[in-house]
Amino acid sequence: MNVDLGSDLEQRIQERMATGKYSSAEDVIRKALDSLANRDQLIADIEASLEDEQRGDVLPLKELDRRMREELPFLNGT
């Protein structure tokens, strides 16, 4: 696949490569796409959490703490 990135994007890719963290333009673009996918997943997770909260499908922090201490005794120092 050949893509014309334009001089601005090419410059930005070259700057990233100059840091030594990337060995090729493909590495820079792969990392950028991975970061975008991670960002999209984070947004989806936040949206799902907000929907859970709106439905009331959440535990108060004190209740969560109590349950965790019951299920995970090492949290109590034992």
Protein backbone atom coordinates (compact mmCIF):
# COMPACT_ATOMS: atom_id res chain seq x y z
CA MET A 1 0.00 0.00 0.00
CA ASN A 2 1.34 3.37 -0.95
CA VAL A 3 0.02 6.39 0.86
CA ASP A 4 0.86 10.03 0.28
CA LEU A 5 1.22 11.40 3.80
CA GLY A 6 2.11 14.93 2.87
CA SER A 7 5.20 16.77 4.02
CA ASP A 8 3.86 17.55 7.51
CA LEU A 9 3.18 13.92 8.42
CA GLU A 10 6.39 12.74 6.80
CA GLN A 11 8.30 15.28 8.91
CA ARG A 12 6.56 14.10 12.07
CA ILE A 13 7.38 10.48 11.27
CA GLN A 14 11.02 11.40 10.62
CA GLU A 15 11.16 13.21 13.95
CA ARG A 16 9.88 10.11 15.74
CA MET A 17 12.39 7.91 13.94
CA ALA A 18 15.18 10.32 14.91
CA THR A 19 14.54 9.54 18.58
CA GLY A 20 15.88 6.05 17.96
CA LYS A 21 12.74 4.40 19.33
CA TYR A 22 11.56 3.37 15.87
CA SER A 23 13.52 1.67 13.12
CA SER A 24 11.17 2.53 10.28
CA ALA A 25 8.21 4.62 9.23
CA GLU A 26 6.14 1.44 9.46
CA ASP A 27 7.07 1.10 13.14
CA VAL A 28 5.94 4.67 13.82
CA ILE A 29 2.63 4.14 12.03
CA ARG A 30 2.08 0.75 13.72
CA LYS A 31 2.62 2.33 17.14
CA ALA A 32 0.30 5.21 16.24
CA LEU A 33 -2.44 2.78 15.15
CA ASP A 34 -1.94 0.67 18.28
CA SER A 35 -2.23 3.80 20.41
CA LEU A 36 -5.39 4.81 18.58
CA ALA A 37 -6.91 1.36 19.16
CA ASN A 38 -6.01 1.56 22.87
CA ARG A 39 -7.58 5.02 23.08
CA ASP A 40 -10.76 3.78 21.39
CA GLN A 41 -10.96 0.84 23.81
CA LEU A 42 -10.44 3.12 26.81
CA ILE A 43 -13.24 5.39 25.62
CA ALA A 44 -15.54 2.38 25.11
CA ASP A 45 -14.71 1.11 28.62
CA ILE A 46 -15.41 4.52 30.15
CA GLU A 47 -18.71 4.78 28.27
CA ALA A 48 -19.71 1.29 29.46
CA SER A 49 -18.83 2.24 33.04
CA LEU A 50 -20.91 5.39 32.80
CA GLU A 51 -23.85 3.36 31.47
CA ASP A 52 -23.45 0.93 34.39
CA GLU A 53 -23.53 3.86 36.79
CA GLN A 54 -26.63 5.33 35.18
CA ARG A 55 -28.40 1.96 35.55
CA GLY A 56 -27.27 1.72 39.15
CA ASP A 57 -25.12 -1.35 38.44
CA VAL A 58 -22.28 -0.19 40.66
CA LEU A 59 -21.25 -0.82 44.24
CA PRO A 60 -20.48 1.93 46.69
CA LEU A 61 -16.75 1.99 47.44
CA LYS A 62 -17.23 0.88 51.05
CA GLU A 63 -19.26 -2.15 49.94
CA LEU A 64 -16.66 -3.06 47.32
CA ASP A 65 -13.92 -2.78 49.95
CA ARG A 66 -15.87 -4.99 52.37
CA ARG A 67 -16.45 -7.67 49.73
CA MET A 68 -12.85 -7.62 48.60
CA ARG A 69 -11.62 -8.04 52.16
CA GLU A 70 -13.96 -11.00 52.61
CA GLU A 71 -12.80 -12.68 49.41
CA LEU A 72 -9.13 -11.72 49.67
CA PRO A 73 -8.03 -12.11 53.28
CA PHE A 74 -4.49 -10.93 52.52
CA LEU A 75 -5.95 -7.42 52.20
CA ASN A 76 -6.64 -7.58 55.94
CA GLY A 77 -2.98 -8.28 56.67
CA THR A 78 -3.61 -11.95 57.38
